[in-house]
N, C-alpha and C. Protein backbone atom coordinates (compact mmCIF):
# COMPACT_ATOMS: atom_id res chain seq x y z
N MET A 1 6.91 -22.75 -2.81
CA MET A 1 7.06 -21.45 -2.20
C MET A 1 5.72 -20.95 -1.71
N LYS A 2 5.73 -20.23 -0.61
CA LYS A 2 4.52 -19.70 -0.05
C LYS A 2 3.92 -18.62 -0.97
N PRO A 3 2.61 -18.49 -0.99
CA PRO A 3 1.97 -17.41 -1.77
C PRO A 3 2.39 -16.06 -1.19
N LEU A 4 2.22 -15.04 -2.02
CA LEU A 4 2.62 -13.68 -1.65
C LEU A 4 1.43 -12.75 -1.73
N ILE A 5 1.27 -11.89 -0.73
CA ILE A 5 0.28 -10.84 -0.83
C ILE A 5 0.97 -9.48 -0.82
N VAL A 6 0.42 -8.53 -1.56
CA VAL A 6 0.96 -7.18 -1.57
C VAL A 6 -0.01 -6.34 -0.69
N VAL A 7 0.57 -5.68 0.32
CA VAL A 7 -0.25 -4.86 1.22
C VAL A 7 0.20 -3.42 1.04
N CYS A 8 -0.74 -2.56 0.67
CA CYS A 8 -0.46 -1.17 0.32
C CYS A 8 -0.81 -0.23 1.46
N THR A 9 0.01 0.78 1.66
CA THR A 9 -0.29 1.76 2.68
C THR A 9 0.12 3.15 2.24
N ASP A 10 -0.67 4.13 2.66
CA ASP A 10 -0.26 5.52 2.51
C ASP A 10 -0.12 6.16 3.92
N PHE A 11 -0.12 5.30 4.93
CA PHE A 11 0.07 5.67 6.35
C PHE A 11 -1.11 6.44 6.90
N SER A 12 -2.25 6.42 6.23
CA SER A 12 -3.47 7.07 6.78
C SER A 12 -4.17 6.11 7.74
N ALA A 13 -5.20 6.63 8.39
CA ALA A 13 -6.00 5.80 9.30
C ALA A 13 -6.64 4.66 8.54
N CYS A 14 -7.08 4.92 7.32
CA CYS A 14 -7.69 3.89 6.50
C CYS A 14 -6.67 2.80 6.19
N SER A 15 -5.45 3.19 5.90
CA SER A 15 -4.42 2.20 5.61
C SER A 15 -4.06 1.37 6.80
N GLU A 16 -4.23 1.93 8.01
CA GLU A 16 -3.98 1.17 9.23
C GLU A 16 -4.95 -0.06 9.25
N LYS A 17 -6.18 0.17 8.85
CA LYS A 17 -7.16 -0.93 8.79
C LYS A 17 -6.72 -1.97 7.75
N ALA A 18 -6.22 -1.51 6.63
CA ALA A 18 -5.76 -2.43 5.57
C ALA A 18 -4.53 -3.21 6.05
N LEU A 19 -3.63 -2.55 6.81
CA LEU A 19 -2.47 -3.25 7.38
C LEU A 19 -2.89 -4.33 8.33
N ARG A 20 -3.85 -4.03 9.20
CA ARG A 20 -4.36 -5.04 10.15
C ARG A 20 -4.97 -6.20 9.41
N ARG A 21 -5.76 -5.89 8.38
CA ARG A 21 -6.42 -6.98 7.61
C ARG A 21 -5.38 -7.81 6.86
N GLY A 22 -4.39 -7.14 6.26
CA GLY A 22 -3.30 -7.85 5.59
C GLY A 22 -2.58 -8.77 6.52
N ALA A 23 -2.31 -8.27 7.75
CA ALA A 23 -1.63 -9.14 8.74
C ALA A 23 -2.44 -10.34 9.11
N ASP A 24 -3.78 -10.13 9.27
CA ASP A 24 -4.67 -11.26 9.56
C ASP A 24 -4.65 -12.32 8.45
N ILE A 25 -4.71 -11.83 7.20
CA ILE A 25 -4.70 -12.74 6.07
C ILE A 25 -3.39 -13.49 5.99
N ALA A 26 -2.28 -12.78 6.18
CA ALA A 26 -0.96 -13.40 6.09
C ALA A 26 -0.80 -14.51 7.17
N ALA A 27 -1.27 -14.21 8.40
CA ALA A 27 -1.17 -15.20 9.46
C ALA A 27 -2.08 -16.40 9.20
N ARG A 28 -3.30 -16.11 8.75
CA ARG A 28 -4.27 -17.19 8.51
C ARG A 28 -3.84 -18.09 7.36
N ASP A 29 -3.36 -17.48 6.29
CA ASP A 29 -3.06 -18.24 5.05
C ASP A 29 -1.58 -18.60 4.93
N ASN A 30 -0.77 -18.22 5.91
CA ASN A 30 0.67 -18.55 5.90
C ASN A 30 1.32 -18.05 4.61
N THR A 31 1.23 -16.74 4.35
CA THR A 31 1.77 -16.15 3.13
C THR A 31 2.97 -15.30 3.44
N ARG A 32 3.71 -14.96 2.36
CA ARG A 32 4.75 -13.94 2.43
C ARG A 32 4.05 -12.60 2.17
N VAL A 33 4.70 -11.51 2.54
CA VAL A 33 4.09 -10.18 2.39
C VAL A 33 5.08 -9.24 1.74
N PHE A 34 4.56 -8.42 0.79
CA PHE A 34 5.32 -7.33 0.25
C PHE A 34 4.52 -6.06 0.58
N LEU A 35 5.06 -5.31 1.51
CA LEU A 35 4.43 -4.08 2.03
C LEU A 35 4.94 -2.90 1.21
N ILE A 36 4.05 -2.11 0.62
CA ILE A 36 4.50 -1.01 -0.21
C ILE A 36 3.77 0.30 0.07
N ASN A 37 4.50 1.38 -0.14
CA ASN A 37 3.94 2.74 -0.15
C ASN A 37 4.27 3.35 -1.52
N VAL A 38 3.23 3.75 -2.22
CA VAL A 38 3.44 4.35 -3.55
C VAL A 38 2.94 5.80 -3.47
N CYS A 39 3.78 6.72 -3.95
CA CYS A 39 3.44 8.11 -3.87
C CYS A 39 4.05 8.87 -5.05
N GLY A 40 3.32 9.81 -5.56
CA GLY A 40 3.83 10.63 -6.65
C GLY A 40 4.22 12.02 -6.19
N PRO A 41 4.95 12.74 -7.02
CA PRO A 41 5.41 14.05 -6.67
C PRO A 41 4.28 15.01 -6.24
N ARG A 42 3.13 14.87 -6.83
CA ARG A 42 2.01 15.75 -6.49
C ARG A 42 1.53 15.58 -5.06
N ARG A 43 1.68 14.35 -4.56
CA ARG A 43 1.12 14.04 -3.26
C ARG A 43 2.17 13.86 -2.18
N GLY A 44 3.40 13.99 -2.55
CA GLY A 44 4.48 13.75 -1.60
C GLY A 44 4.59 14.86 -0.62
N PRO A 45 5.11 14.56 0.57
CA PRO A 45 5.27 15.61 1.57
C PRO A 45 6.40 16.58 1.18
N THR A 46 6.26 17.79 1.56
CA THR A 46 7.31 18.77 1.22
C THR A 46 8.17 19.16 2.44
N HIS A 47 7.68 18.88 3.67
CA HIS A 47 8.44 19.20 4.85
C HIS A 47 8.91 20.65 4.84
N GLY A 48 8.06 21.54 4.35
CA GLY A 48 8.39 22.96 4.32
C GLY A 48 9.23 23.41 3.11
N ALA A 49 9.65 22.48 2.30
CA ALA A 49 10.43 22.82 1.10
C ALA A 49 9.53 23.26 0.01
N SER A 50 10.06 24.03 -0.91
CA SER A 50 9.24 24.53 -2.06
C SER A 50 9.08 23.45 -3.11
N GLU A 51 9.95 22.47 -3.17
CA GLU A 51 9.85 21.39 -4.11
C GLU A 51 9.79 20.04 -3.38
N TRP A 52 9.21 19.09 -4.04
CA TRP A 52 9.11 17.74 -3.46
C TRP A 52 10.51 17.12 -3.41
N ASP A 53 10.90 16.65 -2.28
CA ASP A 53 12.24 16.06 -2.08
C ASP A 53 12.06 14.53 -2.11
N SER A 54 12.38 13.94 -3.21
CA SER A 54 12.15 12.47 -3.37
C SER A 54 13.05 11.66 -2.46
N LYS A 55 14.27 12.08 -2.22
CA LYS A 55 15.13 11.36 -1.31
C LYS A 55 14.61 11.38 0.11
N LEU A 56 14.15 12.53 0.60
CA LEU A 56 13.59 12.63 1.91
C LEU A 56 12.30 11.81 2.02
N TRP A 57 11.45 11.88 0.98
CA TRP A 57 10.22 11.09 0.98
C TRP A 57 10.57 9.59 1.06
N TYR A 58 11.55 9.15 0.30
CA TYR A 58 11.92 7.74 0.27
C TYR A 58 12.41 7.32 1.68
N GLU A 59 13.28 8.08 2.28
CA GLU A 59 13.80 7.75 3.60
C GLU A 59 12.69 7.70 4.63
N ASP A 60 11.81 8.73 4.60
CA ASP A 60 10.67 8.74 5.56
C ASP A 60 9.75 7.54 5.35
N SER A 61 9.43 7.25 4.08
CA SER A 61 8.58 6.14 3.78
C SER A 61 9.15 4.80 4.22
N MET A 62 10.46 4.63 3.97
CA MET A 62 11.09 3.37 4.36
C MET A 62 11.09 3.22 5.88
N SER A 63 11.30 4.30 6.56
CA SER A 63 11.28 4.26 8.04
C SER A 63 9.86 3.88 8.56
N GLU A 64 8.84 4.48 7.96
CA GLU A 64 7.49 4.17 8.36
C GLU A 64 7.08 2.74 7.95
N LEU A 65 7.55 2.28 6.82
CA LEU A 65 7.27 0.90 6.39
C LEU A 65 7.94 -0.07 7.33
N LYS A 66 9.14 0.21 7.77
CA LYS A 66 9.83 -0.65 8.71
C LYS A 66 9.07 -0.72 10.04
N GLN A 67 8.56 0.40 10.49
CA GLN A 67 7.76 0.40 11.71
C GLN A 67 6.47 -0.44 11.53
N ALA A 68 5.84 -0.26 10.37
CA ALA A 68 4.61 -1.02 10.08
C ALA A 68 4.92 -2.51 9.98
N ARG A 69 6.06 -2.82 9.40
CA ARG A 69 6.46 -4.24 9.28
C ARG A 69 6.52 -4.90 10.65
N TYR A 70 7.17 -4.22 11.61
CA TYR A 70 7.32 -4.82 12.94
C TYR A 70 6.05 -4.69 13.79
N LYS A 71 5.24 -3.68 13.54
CA LYS A 71 3.98 -3.53 14.30
C LYS A 71 2.94 -4.56 13.86
N TYR A 72 2.81 -4.77 12.57
CA TYR A 72 1.72 -5.63 12.06
C TYR A 72 2.16 -7.03 11.67
N PHE A 73 3.43 -7.19 11.29
CA PHE A 73 3.89 -8.48 10.77
C PHE A 73 5.04 -9.08 11.55
N SER A 74 5.06 -8.81 12.84
CA SER A 74 6.16 -9.24 13.71
C SER A 74 6.21 -10.77 13.79
N GLY A 75 5.11 -11.43 13.57
CA GLY A 75 5.09 -12.91 13.64
C GLY A 75 5.72 -13.59 12.44
N LEU A 76 6.06 -12.83 11.41
CA LEU A 76 6.67 -13.38 10.20
C LEU A 76 8.18 -13.11 10.23
N SER A 77 8.94 -14.02 9.68
CA SER A 77 10.41 -13.84 9.62
C SER A 77 10.76 -12.76 8.61
N ASP A 78 12.02 -12.28 8.71
CA ASP A 78 12.47 -11.23 7.81
C ASP A 78 12.46 -11.69 6.35
N THR A 79 12.62 -12.98 6.11
CA THR A 79 12.60 -13.44 4.74
C THR A 79 11.19 -13.53 4.17
N GLU A 80 10.18 -13.46 5.06
CA GLU A 80 8.76 -13.56 4.63
C GLU A 80 8.12 -12.18 4.43
N VAL A 81 8.82 -11.13 4.83
CA VAL A 81 8.26 -9.75 4.68
C VAL A 81 9.29 -8.87 4.02
N GLN A 82 8.91 -8.27 2.91
CA GLN A 82 9.69 -7.26 2.24
C GLN A 82 8.89 -5.99 2.24
N TYR A 83 9.58 -4.87 2.10
CA TYR A 83 8.89 -3.61 1.98
C TYR A 83 9.65 -2.63 1.14
N ASP A 84 8.92 -1.73 0.47
CA ASP A 84 9.57 -0.75 -0.43
C ASP A 84 8.67 0.43 -0.62
N ALA A 85 9.30 1.60 -0.80
CA ALA A 85 8.63 2.84 -1.14
C ALA A 85 8.86 3.06 -2.62
N ILE A 86 7.76 3.27 -3.34
CA ILE A 86 7.83 3.34 -4.79
C ILE A 86 7.31 4.70 -5.27
N PRO A 87 8.19 5.53 -5.86
CA PRO A 87 7.71 6.80 -6.39
C PRO A 87 7.01 6.57 -7.73
N SER A 88 5.81 7.11 -7.83
CA SER A 88 5.04 6.95 -9.08
C SER A 88 3.96 7.98 -9.13
N ALA A 89 3.76 8.60 -10.28
CA ALA A 89 2.64 9.52 -10.45
C ALA A 89 1.32 8.78 -10.63
N HIS A 90 1.38 7.45 -10.82
CA HIS A 90 0.18 6.66 -11.02
C HIS A 90 0.23 5.50 -10.06
N PRO A 91 -0.23 5.72 -8.81
CA PRO A 91 -0.13 4.67 -7.78
C PRO A 91 -0.77 3.30 -8.16
N ALA A 92 -1.95 3.37 -8.74
CA ALA A 92 -2.63 2.12 -9.08
C ALA A 92 -1.82 1.30 -10.11
N SER A 93 -1.25 1.96 -11.09
CA SER A 93 -0.43 1.24 -12.06
C SER A 93 0.80 0.64 -11.39
N ALA A 94 1.42 1.40 -10.50
CA ALA A 94 2.61 0.89 -9.81
C ALA A 94 2.25 -0.32 -8.92
N ILE A 95 1.08 -0.26 -8.24
CA ILE A 95 0.64 -1.39 -7.42
C ILE A 95 0.45 -2.62 -8.27
N CYS A 96 -0.26 -2.45 -9.39
CA CYS A 96 -0.49 -3.58 -10.29
C CYS A 96 0.80 -4.14 -10.87
N LYS A 97 1.74 -3.27 -11.17
CA LYS A 97 3.02 -3.70 -11.70
C LYS A 97 3.76 -4.54 -10.67
N VAL A 98 3.81 -4.10 -9.43
CA VAL A 98 4.44 -4.86 -8.34
C VAL A 98 3.77 -6.23 -8.20
N ALA A 99 2.43 -6.27 -8.22
CA ALA A 99 1.74 -7.52 -8.06
C ALA A 99 2.06 -8.48 -9.19
N LYS A 100 2.14 -7.96 -10.43
CA LYS A 100 2.46 -8.78 -11.56
C LYS A 100 3.89 -9.31 -11.51
N GLU A 101 4.84 -8.42 -11.21
CA GLU A 101 6.25 -8.80 -11.19
C GLU A 101 6.58 -9.75 -10.06
N THR A 102 5.85 -9.71 -8.95
CA THR A 102 6.10 -10.60 -7.80
C THR A 102 5.27 -11.86 -7.85
N GLY A 103 4.32 -11.92 -8.76
CA GLY A 103 3.43 -13.09 -8.82
C GLY A 103 2.48 -13.14 -7.64
N ALA A 104 2.08 -11.98 -7.12
CA ALA A 104 1.21 -11.92 -5.96
C ALA A 104 -0.12 -12.60 -6.27
N SER A 105 -0.68 -13.22 -5.23
CA SER A 105 -1.99 -13.82 -5.35
C SER A 105 -3.10 -12.90 -4.85
N LEU A 106 -2.72 -11.82 -4.14
CA LEU A 106 -3.71 -10.92 -3.57
C LEU A 106 -3.07 -9.54 -3.32
N ILE A 107 -3.85 -8.48 -3.54
CA ILE A 107 -3.48 -7.13 -3.16
C ILE A 107 -4.48 -6.69 -2.06
N VAL A 108 -3.93 -6.13 -0.99
CA VAL A 108 -4.79 -5.59 0.07
C VAL A 108 -4.50 -4.08 0.16
N LEU A 109 -5.60 -3.27 0.07
CA LEU A 109 -5.42 -1.83 0.18
C LEU A 109 -6.68 -1.23 0.75
N GLY A 110 -6.53 -0.04 1.27
CA GLY A 110 -7.66 0.69 1.84
C GLY A 110 -8.33 1.61 0.84
N SER A 111 -9.57 1.96 1.15
CA SER A 111 -10.27 2.94 0.33
C SER A 111 -10.85 3.99 1.25
N HIS A 112 -10.58 5.24 0.95
CA HIS A 112 -11.09 6.34 1.77
C HIS A 112 -12.59 6.54 1.60
N GLY A 113 -13.15 5.95 0.55
CA GLY A 113 -14.60 6.07 0.35
C GLY A 113 -15.06 7.42 -0.13
N ARG A 114 -14.18 8.15 -0.82
CA ARG A 114 -14.61 9.45 -1.31
C ARG A 114 -15.63 9.27 -2.47
N THR A 115 -16.54 10.22 -2.51
CA THR A 115 -17.55 10.18 -3.57
C THR A 115 -17.69 11.56 -4.18
N GLY A 116 -18.47 11.59 -5.27
CA GLY A 116 -18.81 12.85 -5.89
C GLY A 116 -17.60 13.59 -6.47
N MET A 117 -17.64 14.93 -6.31
CA MET A 117 -16.60 15.78 -6.90
C MET A 117 -15.21 15.47 -6.36
N LEU A 118 -15.10 15.21 -5.09
CA LEU A 118 -13.78 14.92 -4.50
C LEU A 118 -13.15 13.71 -5.17
N ARG A 119 -13.96 12.66 -5.41
CA ARG A 119 -13.45 11.46 -6.07
C ARG A 119 -13.08 11.76 -7.49
N GLN A 120 -13.85 12.59 -8.17
CA GLN A 120 -13.53 12.93 -9.54
C GLN A 120 -12.23 13.69 -9.65
N LEU A 121 -11.97 14.54 -8.69
CA LEU A 121 -10.76 15.35 -8.70
C LEU A 121 -9.52 14.50 -8.29
N LEU A 122 -9.68 13.68 -7.27
CA LEU A 122 -8.53 12.94 -6.77
C LEU A 122 -8.42 11.53 -7.38
N GLY A 123 -9.51 11.01 -7.96
CA GLY A 123 -9.44 9.67 -8.54
C GLY A 123 -9.58 8.66 -7.42
N SER A 124 -9.58 7.40 -7.81
CA SER A 124 -9.65 6.34 -6.81
C SER A 124 -8.58 5.28 -7.11
N VAL A 125 -7.55 5.29 -6.30
CA VAL A 125 -6.51 4.29 -6.46
C VAL A 125 -7.09 2.89 -6.31
N ALA A 126 -7.95 2.72 -5.32
CA ALA A 126 -8.55 1.39 -5.08
C ALA A 126 -9.35 0.95 -6.32
N GLU A 127 -10.18 1.81 -6.86
CA GLU A 127 -11.03 1.43 -8.00
C GLU A 127 -10.13 1.07 -9.21
N SER A 128 -9.14 1.90 -9.50
CA SER A 128 -8.26 1.63 -10.65
C SER A 128 -7.47 0.33 -10.43
N THR A 129 -7.05 0.08 -9.19
CA THR A 129 -6.33 -1.15 -8.92
C THR A 129 -7.19 -2.36 -9.14
N VAL A 130 -8.44 -2.28 -8.69
CA VAL A 130 -9.39 -3.40 -8.89
C VAL A 130 -9.56 -3.67 -10.37
N ARG A 131 -9.68 -2.60 -11.14
CA ARG A 131 -9.93 -2.79 -12.57
C ARG A 131 -8.74 -3.39 -13.34
N HIS A 132 -7.53 -3.10 -12.88
CA HIS A 132 -6.33 -3.46 -13.67
C HIS A 132 -5.45 -4.51 -13.03
N ALA A 133 -5.77 -4.95 -11.85
CA ALA A 133 -4.88 -5.89 -11.13
C ALA A 133 -4.77 -7.24 -11.82
N PRO A 134 -3.62 -7.86 -11.73
CA PRO A 134 -3.44 -9.20 -12.31
C PRO A 134 -3.89 -10.31 -11.35
N CYS A 135 -4.41 -9.91 -10.16
CA CYS A 135 -4.84 -10.87 -9.16
C CYS A 135 -6.03 -10.32 -8.40
N SER A 136 -6.51 -11.07 -7.44
CA SER A 136 -7.60 -10.60 -6.61
C SER A 136 -7.20 -9.39 -5.78
N VAL A 137 -8.14 -8.54 -5.50
CA VAL A 137 -7.91 -7.33 -4.68
C VAL A 137 -8.89 -7.31 -3.52
N PHE A 138 -8.38 -7.13 -2.32
CA PHE A 138 -9.19 -7.00 -1.12
C PHE A 138 -9.16 -5.52 -0.71
N VAL A 139 -10.30 -4.86 -0.82
CA VAL A 139 -10.39 -3.44 -0.49
C VAL A 139 -11.01 -3.29 0.90
N VAL A 140 -10.26 -2.62 1.79
CA VAL A 140 -10.74 -2.37 3.14
C VAL A 140 -11.31 -0.99 3.17
N ARG A 141 -12.60 -0.89 3.45
CA ARG A 141 -13.25 0.42 3.45
C ARG A 141 -13.02 1.18 4.74
N ASP A 142 -12.90 2.45 4.62
CA ASP A 142 -12.80 3.35 5.78
C ASP A 142 -14.18 3.81 6.13
N ASN A 143 -14.78 3.19 7.13
CA ASN A 143 -16.15 3.53 7.54
C ASN A 143 -16.12 4.73 8.46
N PRO A 144 -16.65 5.87 8.05
CA PRO A 144 -16.71 7.02 8.96
C PRO A 144 -17.56 6.71 10.18
N GLU A 145 -17.09 7.22 11.31
CA GLU A 145 -17.85 6.94 12.54
C GLU A 145 -18.69 8.08 12.92
């Protein structure tokens, strides 16, 4: 069976870079891809609602993942690319769990490169993923222009 890589996105500009890099790696190494979006209630979109609507978030995320699947991984067959939206208050833990459960050989994700107080307040999904992942992690940095 072909190796599997997990490619993570939060649909930000930084994640676009990670998606492109994940697509390059998948094409070069002839791998399968599991494309995921992990989001918790604190960070989920509200679309004007007073409470986080998990069903709406899931539907929106799946739609965006499907678009990303065909934009970046169109050269791979449907059996070689899976995607899922995963609700979790701890994105790094959820990413590592997916990698472990799928036997992934690599995780690809972006890093916004926050430092100082902002990083302390928001944490770093990339850093925590690197520390706890069951496989190698490729972090794509968002270089400010």
